Amino acid sequence: MSGVDWDRLNELRSDIGEEDFADVAILFVAELQESLDGLTPETAKAADFHFLRGSAANLGFTALVEACSAAEAACNASASPDVAAVRTAFETAMEEVEPQVPELSRAA
């Protein structure tokens, strides 16, 4: 099962245009990476995962969207979010898209 919605990613590419797609996708990935770098279960807030989920949805990273939704729900329930699952979902999505969009590896 794929952790990436290729239709969504290709729709983004089509909307932005091939020429600018890599720059925009790199920006999304850099923001995701930066947000994940400082995230710990002790300090994470629901808003952190909400932000990550939005960026992941724009890129079509469906497994990351699901992991962020679960982590956001945990925060809202005063439970510890599964930050490791969020990181793993991000890394898996990056591995999956890298052969198709190798420029993204520069941002991670």
N, C-alpha and C. Protein backbone atom coordinates (compact mmCIF):
# COMPACT_ATOMS: atom_id res chain seq x y z
N MET A 1 0.84 -1.19 0.00
CA MET A 1 0.00 0.00 0.00
C MET A 1 0.87 1.24 0.00
N SER A 2 0.50 2.19 -0.79
CA SER A 2 1.27 3.42 -0.94
C SER A 2 0.91 4.42 0.16
N GLY A 3 1.94 5.12 0.62
CA GLY A 3 1.73 6.19 1.59
C GLY A 3 1.62 7.54 0.92
N VAL A 4 1.58 7.52 -0.43
CA VAL A 4 1.52 8.75 -1.20
C VAL A 4 0.35 8.67 -2.17
N ASP A 5 -0.42 9.73 -2.21
CA ASP A 5 -1.50 9.86 -3.20
C ASP A 5 -0.88 10.51 -4.42
N TRP A 6 -0.50 9.68 -5.38
CA TRP A 6 0.18 10.17 -6.57
C TRP A 6 -0.70 11.09 -7.40
N ASP A 7 -2.00 10.86 -7.38
CA ASP A 7 -2.91 11.76 -8.10
C ASP A 7 -2.82 13.17 -7.52
N ARG A 8 -2.80 13.26 -6.20
CA ARG A 8 -2.71 14.57 -5.55
C ARG A 8 -1.37 15.24 -5.85
N LEU A 9 -0.29 14.47 -5.75
CA LEU A 9 1.04 15.03 -6.00
C LEU A 9 1.14 15.50 -7.46
N ASN A 10 0.63 14.73 -8.37
CA ASN A 10 0.66 15.12 -9.78
C ASN A 10 -0.27 16.28 -10.08
N GLU A 11 -1.38 16.37 -9.33
CA GLU A 11 -2.28 17.51 -9.47
C GLU A 11 -1.57 18.79 -9.03
N LEU A 12 -0.83 18.70 -7.93
CA LEU A 12 -0.06 19.84 -7.46
C LEU A 12 0.96 20.24 -8.52
N ARG A 13 1.63 19.26 -9.08
CA ARG A 13 2.63 19.51 -10.14
C ARG A 13 1.96 20.21 -11.33
N SER A 14 0.78 19.74 -11.71
CA SER A 14 0.06 20.31 -12.84
C SER A 14 -0.41 21.73 -12.54
N ASP A 15 -0.92 21.95 -11.32
CA ASP A 15 -1.42 23.28 -10.92
C ASP A 15 -0.30 24.31 -10.90
N ILE A 16 0.85 23.91 -10.39
CA ILE A 16 1.97 24.84 -10.22
C ILE A 16 2.75 24.99 -11.52
N GLY A 17 2.83 23.91 -12.25
CA GLY A 17 3.64 23.90 -13.46
C GLY A 17 4.94 23.17 -13.19
N GLU A 18 5.38 22.44 -14.16
CA GLU A 18 6.57 21.60 -14.01
C GLU A 18 7.79 22.41 -13.57
N GLU A 19 7.91 23.62 -14.12
CA GLU A 19 9.09 24.44 -13.85
C GLU A 19 9.20 24.85 -12.37
N ASP A 20 8.08 25.17 -11.74
CA ASP A 20 8.10 25.64 -10.35
C ASP A 20 7.78 24.56 -9.34
N PHE A 21 7.35 23.39 -9.80
CA PHE A 21 6.92 22.34 -8.88
C PHE A 21 7.99 21.96 -7.88
N ALA A 22 9.20 21.72 -8.33
CA ALA A 22 10.27 21.27 -7.43
C ALA A 22 10.50 22.30 -6.33
N ASP A 23 10.52 23.58 -6.67
CA ASP A 23 10.75 24.62 -5.66
C ASP A 23 9.65 24.63 -4.60
N VAL A 24 8.41 24.53 -5.04
CA VAL A 24 7.29 24.54 -4.10
C VAL A 24 7.29 23.27 -3.25
N ALA A 25 7.52 22.13 -3.87
CA ALA A 25 7.55 20.87 -3.12
C ALA A 25 8.70 20.87 -2.12
N ILE A 26 9.85 21.40 -2.51
CA ILE A 26 10.99 21.49 -1.60
C ILE A 26 10.64 22.36 -0.41
N LEU A 27 9.93 23.45 -0.64
CA LEU A 27 9.51 24.32 0.46
C LEU A 27 8.61 23.57 1.45
N PHE A 28 7.63 22.83 0.93
CA PHE A 28 6.75 22.04 1.81
C PHE A 28 7.56 21.02 2.61
N VAL A 29 8.46 20.32 1.95
CA VAL A 29 9.26 19.29 2.62
C VAL A 29 10.18 19.92 3.66
N ALA A 30 10.78 21.04 3.34
CA ALA A 30 11.66 21.73 4.30
C ALA A 30 10.88 22.15 5.53
N GLU A 31 9.66 22.65 5.33
CA GLU A 31 8.82 23.04 6.47
C GLU A 31 8.45 21.82 7.32
N LEU A 32 8.13 20.72 6.66
CA LEU A 32 7.82 19.49 7.39
C LEU A 32 9.03 19.05 8.20
N GLN A 33 10.20 19.01 7.56
CA GLN A 33 11.42 18.56 8.23
C GLN A 33 11.76 19.46 9.42
N GLU A 34 11.65 20.76 9.22
CA GLU A 34 11.95 21.71 10.29
C GLU A 34 11.00 21.51 11.48
N SER A 35 9.75 21.32 11.20
CA SER A 35 8.77 21.11 12.27
C SER A 35 9.02 19.80 13.00
N LEU A 36 9.37 18.77 12.26
CA LEU A 36 9.63 17.46 12.87
C LEU A 36 10.90 17.45 13.70
N ASP A 37 11.90 18.23 13.30
CA ASP A 37 13.19 18.23 13.99
C ASP A 37 13.07 18.56 15.47
N GLY A 38 12.23 19.49 15.82
CA GLY A 38 12.12 19.89 17.20
C GLY A 38 10.98 19.26 17.97
N LEU A 39 10.29 18.31 17.36
CA LEU A 39 9.09 17.74 17.95
C LEU A 39 9.41 16.61 18.92
N THR A 40 8.89 16.72 20.12
CA THR A 40 9.00 15.64 21.10
C THR A 40 7.61 15.36 21.66
N PRO A 41 7.37 14.15 22.14
CA PRO A 41 6.05 13.86 22.71
C PRO A 41 5.72 14.77 23.90
N GLU A 42 6.74 15.21 24.61
CA GLU A 42 6.51 16.03 25.80
C GLU A 42 6.13 17.47 25.46
N THR A 43 6.65 17.99 24.35
CA THR A 43 6.42 19.40 24.03
C THR A 43 5.43 19.61 22.89
N ALA A 44 5.07 18.54 22.18
CA ALA A 44 4.19 18.67 21.01
C ALA A 44 2.79 19.12 21.41
N LYS A 45 2.24 19.94 20.56
CA LYS A 45 0.88 20.45 20.74
C LYS A 45 0.04 20.00 19.54
N ALA A 46 -1.27 19.99 19.72
CA ALA A 46 -2.17 19.60 18.64
C ALA A 46 -1.94 20.47 17.41
N ALA A 47 -1.66 21.76 17.62
CA ALA A 47 -1.43 22.68 16.50
C ALA A 47 -0.22 22.27 15.66
N ASP A 48 0.79 21.68 16.29
CA ASP A 48 1.96 21.21 15.54
C ASP A 48 1.55 20.17 14.51
N PHE A 49 0.74 19.23 14.95
CA PHE A 49 0.32 18.15 14.06
C PHE A 49 -0.70 18.63 13.03
N HIS A 50 -1.49 19.62 13.41
CA HIS A 50 -2.43 20.21 12.48
C HIS A 50 -1.67 20.86 11.31
N PHE A 51 -0.62 21.60 11.63
CA PHE A 51 0.22 22.23 10.62
C PHE A 51 0.87 21.17 9.72
N LEU A 52 1.47 20.17 10.35
CA LEU A 52 2.12 19.10 9.59
C LEU A 52 1.13 18.39 8.67
N ARG A 53 -0.06 18.16 9.19
CA ARG A 53 -1.09 17.47 8.41
C ARG A 53 -1.46 18.26 7.16
N GLY A 54 -1.58 19.57 7.29
CA GLY A 54 -1.91 20.41 6.15
C GLY A 54 -0.85 20.35 5.05
N SER A 55 0.40 20.46 5.46
CA SER A 55 1.50 20.38 4.48
C SER A 55 1.54 19.00 3.83
N ALA A 56 1.36 17.97 4.63
CA ALA A 56 1.38 16.60 4.12
C ALA A 56 0.23 16.39 3.12
N ALA A 57 -0.93 16.95 3.43
CA ALA A 57 -2.08 16.81 2.53
C ALA A 57 -1.81 17.49 1.19
N ASN A 58 -1.16 18.64 1.21
CA ASN A 58 -0.83 19.34 -0.03
C ASN A 58 0.06 18.49 -0.93
N LEU A 59 0.96 17.73 -0.32
CA LEU A 59 1.88 16.89 -1.08
C LEU A 59 1.31 15.51 -1.41
N GLY A 60 0.17 15.17 -0.81
CA GLY A 60 -0.42 13.86 -1.04
C GLY A 60 0.22 12.77 -0.19
N PHE A 61 0.86 13.14 0.90
CA PHE A 61 1.49 12.17 1.80
C PHE A 61 0.42 11.61 2.75
N THR A 62 -0.37 10.67 2.25
CA THR A 62 -1.55 10.20 2.96
C THR A 62 -1.23 9.51 4.29
N ALA A 63 -0.19 8.71 4.33
CA ALA A 63 0.16 8.04 5.58
C ALA A 63 0.59 9.05 6.63
N LEU A 64 1.26 10.11 6.21
CA LEU A 64 1.66 11.17 7.14
C LEU A 64 0.44 11.93 7.63
N VAL A 65 -0.51 12.17 6.74
CA VAL A 65 -1.76 12.82 7.14
C VAL A 65 -2.44 12.00 8.24
N GLU A 66 -2.51 10.69 8.05
CA GLU A 66 -3.15 9.82 9.04
C GLU A 66 -2.39 9.82 10.37
N ALA A 67 -1.05 9.76 10.30
CA ALA A 67 -0.26 9.76 11.53
C ALA A 67 -0.41 11.08 12.27
N CYS A 68 -0.45 12.18 11.53
CA CYS A 68 -0.63 13.50 12.15
C CYS A 68 -2.02 13.64 12.77
N SER A 69 -3.02 13.11 12.09
CA SER A 69 -4.39 13.15 12.62
C SER A 69 -4.48 12.40 13.95
N ALA A 70 -3.85 11.23 14.00
CA ALA A 70 -3.85 10.44 15.23
C ALA A 70 -3.09 11.17 16.33
N ALA A 71 -1.96 11.77 16.00
CA ALA A 71 -1.17 12.49 17.00
C ALA A 71 -1.91 13.73 17.49
N GLU A 72 -2.58 14.42 16.57
CA GLU A 72 -3.37 15.59 16.95
C GLU A 72 -4.51 15.19 17.89
N ALA A 73 -5.18 14.08 17.56
CA ALA A 73 -6.26 13.59 18.42
C ALA A 73 -5.73 13.21 19.80
N ALA A 74 -4.55 12.61 19.84
CA ALA A 74 -3.96 12.25 21.13
C ALA A 74 -3.70 13.50 21.96
N CYS A 75 -3.14 14.52 21.35
CA CYS A 75 -2.89 15.78 22.07
C CYS A 75 -4.19 16.37 22.60
N ASN A 76 -5.22 16.35 21.77
CA ASN A 76 -6.52 16.89 22.18
C ASN A 76 -7.14 16.09 23.30
N ALA A 77 -6.73 14.83 23.44
CA ALA A 77 -7.25 13.97 24.51
C ALA A 77 -6.29 13.94 25.70
N SER A 78 -5.32 14.85 25.71
CA SER A 78 -4.31 14.92 26.77
C SER A 78 -3.48 13.65 26.89
N ALA A 79 -3.31 12.96 25.77
CA ALA A 79 -2.48 11.75 25.72
C ALA A 79 -1.17 12.09 25.00
N SER A 80 -0.22 11.20 25.12
CA SER A 80 1.06 11.40 24.47
C SER A 80 0.96 11.05 22.98
N PRO A 81 1.34 11.98 22.10
CA PRO A 81 1.27 11.70 20.66
C PRO A 81 2.40 10.78 20.24
N ASP A 82 2.15 9.99 19.22
CA ASP A 82 3.15 9.08 18.69
C ASP A 82 4.01 9.81 17.65
N VAL A 83 4.98 10.56 18.16
CA VAL A 83 5.85 11.34 17.30
C VAL A 83 6.69 10.41 16.41
N ALA A 84 7.08 9.26 16.93
CA ALA A 84 7.86 8.30 16.13
C ALA A 84 7.07 7.85 14.91
N ALA A 85 5.79 7.62 15.05
CA ALA A 85 4.96 7.21 13.91
C ALA A 85 4.88 8.32 12.87
N VAL A 86 4.82 9.55 13.32
CA VAL A 86 4.77 10.69 12.41
C VAL A 86 6.09 10.79 11.64
N ARG A 87 7.19 10.66 12.35
CA ARG A 87 8.51 10.71 11.69
C ARG A 87 8.66 9.56 10.68
N THR A 88 8.24 8.38 11.08
CA THR A 88 8.34 7.22 10.20
C THR A 88 7.50 7.42 8.94
N ALA A 89 6.30 7.95 9.09
CA ALA A 89 5.43 8.21 7.94
C ALA A 89 6.07 9.23 7.00
N PHE A 90 6.72 10.23 7.56
CA PHE A 90 7.41 11.23 6.74
C PHE A 90 8.56 10.58 5.97
N GLU A 91 9.38 9.83 6.68
CA GLU A 91 10.54 9.19 6.05
C GLU A 91 10.11 8.21 4.96
N THR A 92 9.05 7.47 5.22
CA THR A 92 8.54 6.51 4.24
C THR A 92 8.03 7.23 2.99
N ALA A 93 7.30 8.33 3.19
CA ALA A 93 6.81 9.10 2.04
C ALA A 93 7.97 9.65 1.23
N MET A 94 8.98 10.13 1.91
CA MET A 94 10.14 10.68 1.20
C MET A 94 10.84 9.59 0.38
N GLU A 95 10.98 8.41 0.96
CA GLU A 95 11.60 7.30 0.24
C GLU A 95 10.78 6.92 -1.00
N GLU A 96 9.46 7.01 -0.86
CA GLU A 96 8.59 6.63 -1.97
C GLU A 96 8.64 7.66 -3.11
N VAL A 97 8.69 8.94 -2.78
CA VAL A 97 8.66 9.96 -3.84
C VAL A 97 10.03 10.27 -4.41
N GLU A 98 11.08 9.95 -3.70
CA GLU A 98 12.44 10.32 -4.13
C GLU A 98 12.77 9.85 -5.54
N PRO A 99 12.43 8.62 -5.95
CA PRO A 99 12.75 8.22 -7.32
C PRO A 99 12.02 9.06 -8.38
N GLN A 100 10.83 9.53 -8.06
CA GLN A 100 10.03 10.31 -9.01
C GLN A 100 10.35 11.81 -8.94
N VAL A 101 10.71 12.27 -7.74
CA VAL A 101 10.99 13.69 -7.52
C VAL A 101 12.29 13.80 -6.72
N PRO A 102 13.42 13.49 -7.34
CA PRO A 102 14.69 13.43 -6.60
C PRO A 102 15.09 14.76 -5.96
N GLU A 103 14.56 15.86 -6.45
CA GLU A 103 14.88 17.17 -5.88
C GLU A 103 14.46 17.29 -4.43
N LEU A 104 13.44 16.53 -4.02
CA LEU A 104 12.95 16.63 -2.65
C LEU A 104 13.97 16.19 -1.62
N SER A 105 14.87 15.32 -1.99
CA SER A 105 15.86 14.85 -1.02
C SER A 105 16.77 15.99 -0.57
N ARG A 106 16.88 17.05 -1.36
CA ARG A 106 17.68 18.21 -0.96
C ARG A 106 17.07 18.94 0.23
N ALA A 107 15.77 18.84 0.38
CA ALA A 107 15.07 19.60 1.42
C ALA A 107 15.03 18.85 2.74
N ALA A 108 15.17 17.56 2.70
CA ALA A 108 15.01 16.75 3.92
C ALA A 108 16.31 16.63 4.68
